[in-house]
Amino acid sequence: MGFDHKPGVRLGGNTKKEKTREELLEVVRAERAARNDVRRKATAAVVIQRFWRGWMARAALRRQNLQTLLQTYAPFVAQQEQYLTSEQVVADLLPRALMLLLPQAPGMPMDLTATRHAGSTPTAAGTP
């Protein structure tokens, strides 16, 4: 009756449980590319943050220098009897005025108060 026939074994199968070498290499390449993309994006974020923080620090320093400049030298504009010494102009007024006009170059020191001499505050002519 046909019971003596064994069913045939299919060697091809419908699903593959093991990956071939090329498939495994492709998965590894994709994972490596994803890691490189994450690393590249993190580096780009750090560069943007560094630029933004530097820009904001220079803007804050410019505002601070402008405020100091106005508080210190406004009386000289209002009263013509007051004079500045050449040391005061070179050590304090000129660097602050230039800071307001020109953007600070990257890598250059931003602290202009370090160039100021101790005790060199503007005084009226003829007063100690």
C-alpha atoms as a PDB file:
ATOM      1  CA  MET A   1       0.000   0.000   0.000  1.00  0.00           C
ATOM      2  CA  GLY A   2       2.782   2.497   0.000  1.00  0.00           C
ATOM      3  CA  PHE A   3       3.686   2.411   3.661  1.00  0.00           C
ATOM      4  CA  ASP A   4       7.101   1.094   2.947  1.00  0.00           C
ATOM      5  CA  HIS A   5       8.297   4.444   1.523  1.00  0.00           C
ATOM      6  CA  LYS A   6      10.265   6.755   3.868  1.00  0.00           C
ATOM      7  CA  PRO A   7       9.627  10.474   3.593  1.00  0.00           C
ATOM      8  CA  GLY A   8      12.524  12.359   1.980  1.00  0.00           C
ATOM      9  CA  VAL A   9      14.731  14.725   4.001  1.00  0.00           C
ATOM     10  CA  ARG A  10      14.920  18.276   2.733  1.00  0.00           C
ATOM     11  CA  LEU A  11      18.444  19.566   3.055  1.00  0.00           C
ATOM     12  CA  GLY A  12      17.744  23.122   1.800  1.00  0.00           C
ATOM     13  CA  GLY A  13      15.185  24.045   4.419  1.00  0.00           C
ATOM     14  CA  ASN A  14      13.012  27.166   4.525  1.00  0.00           C
ATOM     15  CA  THR A  15      14.991  29.006   7.231  1.00  0.00           C
ATOM     16  CA  LYS A  16      18.676  29.356   7.959  1.00  0.00           C
ATOM     17  CA  LYS A  17      19.661  29.464  11.596  1.00  0.00           C
ATOM     18  CA  GLU A  18      23.356  30.109  11.052  1.00  0.00           C
ATOM     19  CA  LYS A  19      24.773  33.140   9.293  1.00  0.00           C
ATOM     20  CA  THR A  20      27.252  32.808   6.517  1.00  0.00           C
ATOM     21  CA  ARG A  21      30.654  34.464   6.734  1.00  0.00           C
ATOM     22  CA  GLU A  22      29.599  37.321   4.422  1.00  0.00           C
ATOM     23  CA  GLU A  23      26.439  37.990   6.421  1.00  0.00           C
ATOM     24  CA  LEU A  24      28.415  38.052   9.655  1.00  0.00           C
ATOM     25  CA  LEU A  25      30.993  40.447   8.146  1.00  0.00           C
ATOM     26  CA  GLU A  26      28.196  42.705   6.902  1.00  0.00           C
ATOM     27  CA  VAL A  27      26.664  42.856  10.399  1.00  0.00           C
ATOM     28  CA  VAL A  28      30.074  43.662  11.912  1.00  0.00           C
ATOM     29  CA  ARG A  29      30.651  46.395   9.316  1.00  0.00           C
ATOM     30  CA  ALA A  30      27.244  47.920  10.028  1.00  0.00           C
ATOM     31  CA  GLU A  31      27.901  47.903  13.791  1.00  0.00           C
ATOM     32  CA  ARG A  32      31.338  49.490  13.270  1.00  0.00           C
ATOM     33  CA  ALA A  33      29.826  52.174  11.021  1.00  0.00           C
ATOM     34  CA  ALA A  34      27.162  52.897  13.654  1.00  0.00           C
ATOM     35  CA  ARG A  35      29.833  53.242  16.383  1.00  0.00           C
ATOM     36  CA  ASN A  36      31.886  55.557  14.159  1.00  0.00           C
ATOM     37  CA  ASP A  37      28.799  57.652  13.444  1.00  0.00           C
ATOM     38  CA  VAL A  38      28.050  57.995  17.171  1.00  0.00           C
ATOM     39  CA  ARG A  39      31.686  58.941  17.846  1.00  0.00           C
ATOM     40  CA  ARG A  40      31.668  61.500  15.016  1.00  0.00           C
ATOM     41  CA  LYS A  41      28.443  63.065  16.275  1.00  0.00           C
ATOM     42  CA  ALA A  42      29.792  63.261  19.840  1.00  0.00           C
ATOM     43  CA  THR A  43      32.969  64.951  18.602  1.00  0.00           C
ATOM     44  CA  ALA A  44      30.935  67.416  16.545  1.00  0.00           C
ATOM     45  CA  ALA A  45      28.796  68.218  19.602  1.00  0.00           C
ATOM     46  CA  VAL A  46      31.918  68.934  21.671  1.00  0.00           C
ATOM     47  CA  VAL A  47      33.277  71.257  18.976  1.00  0.00           C
ATOM     48  CA  ILE A  48      29.980  73.146  18.785  1.00  0.00           C
ATOM     49  CA  GLN A  49      29.793  73.425  22.582  1.00  0.00           C
ATOM     50  CA  ARG A  50      33.394  74.669  22.766  1.00  0.00           C
ATOM     51  CA  PHE A  51      32.702  77.303  20.124  1.00  0.00           C
ATOM     52  CA  TRP A  52      29.476  78.420  21.820  1.00  0.00           C
ATOM     53  CA  ARG A  53      31.012  78.635  25.298  1.00  0.00           C
ATOM     54  CA  GLY A  54      33.983  80.601  23.967  1.00  0.00           C
ATOM     55  CA  TRP A  55      31.691  82.951  22.098  1.00  0.00           C
ATOM     56  CA  MET A  56      29.548  83.519  25.205  1.00  0.00           C
ATOM     57  CA  ALA A  57      32.622  84.027  27.416  1.00  0.00           C
ATOM     58  CA  ARG A  58      34.025  86.622  25.020  1.00  0.00           C
ATOM     59  CA  ALA A  59      30.645  88.371  24.848  1.00  0.00           C
ATOM     60  CA  ALA A  60      30.444  88.463  28.654  1.00  0.00           C
ATOM     61  CA  LEU A  61      33.990  89.815  28.838  1.00  0.00           C
ATOM     62  CA  ARG A  62      33.144  92.494  26.274  1.00  0.00           C
ATOM     63  CA  ARG A  63      30.083  93.542  28.301  1.00  0.00           C
ATOM     64  CA  GLN A  64      32.148  93.612  31.496  1.00  0.00           C
ATOM     65  CA  ASN A  65      34.916  95.652  29.841  1.00  0.00           C
ATOM     66  CA  LEU A  66      32.388  98.098  28.416  1.00  0.00           C
ATOM     67  CA  GLN A  67      30.784  98.542  31.830  1.00  0.00           C
ATOM     68  CA  THR A  68      34.171  99.034  33.517  1.00  0.00           C
ATOM     69  CA  LEU A  69      35.257 101.423  30.790  1.00  0.00           C
ATOM     70  CA  LEU A  70      32.125 103.528  31.161  1.00  0.00           C
ATOM     71  CA  GLN A  71      32.259 103.567  34.957  1.00  0.00           C
ATOM     72  CA  THR A  72      35.941 104.428  35.037  1.00  0.00           C
ATOM     73  CA  TYR A  73      36.223 106.971  32.237  1.00  0.00           C
ATOM     74  CA  ALA A  74      32.786 108.639  32.080  1.00  0.00           C
ATOM     75  CA  PRO A  75      33.905 111.413  34.485  1.00  0.00           C
ATOM     76  CA  PHE A  76      36.712 112.319  32.071  1.00  0.00           C
ATOM     77  CA  VAL A  77      34.194 112.975  29.326  1.00  0.00           C
ATOM     78  CA  ALA A  78      31.947 115.085  31.537  1.00  0.00           C
ATOM     79  CA  GLN A  79      34.715 117.170  33.131  1.00  0.00           C
ATOM     80  CA  GLN A  80      37.384 118.563  30.871  1.00  0.00           C
ATOM     81  CA  GLU A  81      39.730 119.403  33.737  1.00  0.00           C
ATOM     82  CA  GLN A  82      40.607 115.750  34.297  1.00  0.00           C
ATOM     83  CA  TYR A  83      43.438 114.172  32.361  1.00  0.00           C
ATOM     84  CA  LEU A  84      44.821 110.672  31.904  1.00  0.00           C
ATOM     85  CA  THR A  85      48.482 109.859  32.106  1.00  0.00           C
ATOM     86  CA  SER A  86      50.095 108.060  29.208  1.00  0.00           C
ATOM     87  CA  GLU A  87      50.600 105.004  31.447  1.00  0.00           C
ATOM     88  CA  GLN A  88      46.874 104.891  32.192  1.00  0.00           C
ATOM     89  CA  VAL A  89      46.013 105.137  28.505  1.00  0.00           C
ATOM     90  CA  VAL A  90      48.481 102.417  27.488  1.00  0.00           C
ATOM     91  CA  ALA A  91      47.896 100.079  30.426  1.00  0.00           C
ATOM     92  CA  ASP A  92      44.134 100.304  30.837  1.00  0.00           C
ATOM     93  CA  LEU A  93      42.136 102.418  28.403  1.00  0.00           C
ATOM     94  CA  LEU A  94      43.663 101.284  25.116  1.00  0.00           C
ATOM     95  CA  PRO A  95      43.456  97.498  25.707  1.00  0.00           C
ATOM     96  CA  ARG A  96      39.838  97.759  26.858  1.00  0.00           C
ATOM     97  CA  ALA A  97      38.867  99.974  23.924  1.00  0.00           C
ATOM     98  CA  LEU A  98      40.531  97.622  21.456  1.00  0.00           C
ATOM     99  CA  MET A  99      38.809  94.659  23.063  1.00  0.00           C
ATOM    100  CA  LEU A 100      35.488  96.312  22.349  1.00  0.00           C
ATOM    101  CA  LEU A 101      36.389  96.937  18.708  1.00  0.00           C
ATOM    102  CA  LEU A 102      38.036  93.669  17.722  1.00  0.00           C
ATOM    103  CA  PRO A 103      36.967  90.100  18.473  1.00  0.00           C
ATOM    104  CA  GLN A 104      39.436  88.126  20.550  1.00  0.00           C
ATOM    105  CA  ALA A 105      41.404  85.574  18.545  1.00  0.00           C
ATOM    106  CA  PRO A 106      41.105  81.933  19.641  1.00  0.00           C
ATOM    107  CA  GLY A 107      43.852  80.867  22.007  1.00  0.00           C
ATOM    108  CA  MET A 108      44.735  84.392  23.096  1.00  0.00           C
ATOM    109  CA  PRO A 109      44.417  85.409  26.756  1.00  0.00           C
ATOM    110  CA  MET A 110      41.151  87.189  27.421  1.00  0.00           C
ATOM    111  CA  ASP A 111      42.026  88.680  30.814  1.00  0.00           C
ATOM    112  CA  LEU A 112      42.922  92.306  30.182  1.00  0.00           C
ATOM    113  CA  THR A 113      43.089  93.130  33.891  1.00  0.00           C
ATOM    114  CA  ALA A 114      46.450  91.336  34.030  1.00  0.00           C
ATOM    115  CA  THR A 115      47.999  94.169  31.997  1.00  0.00           C
ATOM    116  CA  ARG A 116      46.720  96.782  34.417  1.00  0.00           C
ATOM    117  CA  HIS A 117      49.313  98.154  36.830  1.00  0.00           C
ATOM    118  CA  ALA A 118      48.598  98.039  40.540  1.00  0.00           C
ATOM    119  CA  GLY A 119      47.235 101.326  41.776  1.00  0.00           C
ATOM    120  CA  SER A 120      46.888 102.868  38.317  1.00  0.00           C
ATOM    121  CA  THR A 121      43.397 104.234  38.672  1.00  0.00           C
ATOM    122  CA  PRO A 122      42.533 107.430  36.857  1.00  0.00           C
ATOM    123  CA  THR A 123      42.786 110.569  38.925  1.00  0.00           C
ATOM    124  CA  ALA A 124      42.081 114.188  38.326  1.00  0.00           C
ATOM    125  CA  ALA A 125      45.016 116.315  37.241  1.00  0.00           C
ATOM    126  CA  GLY A 126      46.967 117.590  40.211  1.00  0.00           C
ATOM    127  CA  THR A 127      45.461 115.137  42.756  1.00  0.00           C
ATOM    128  CA  PRO A 128      47.444 112.238  44.226  1.00  0.00           C
END
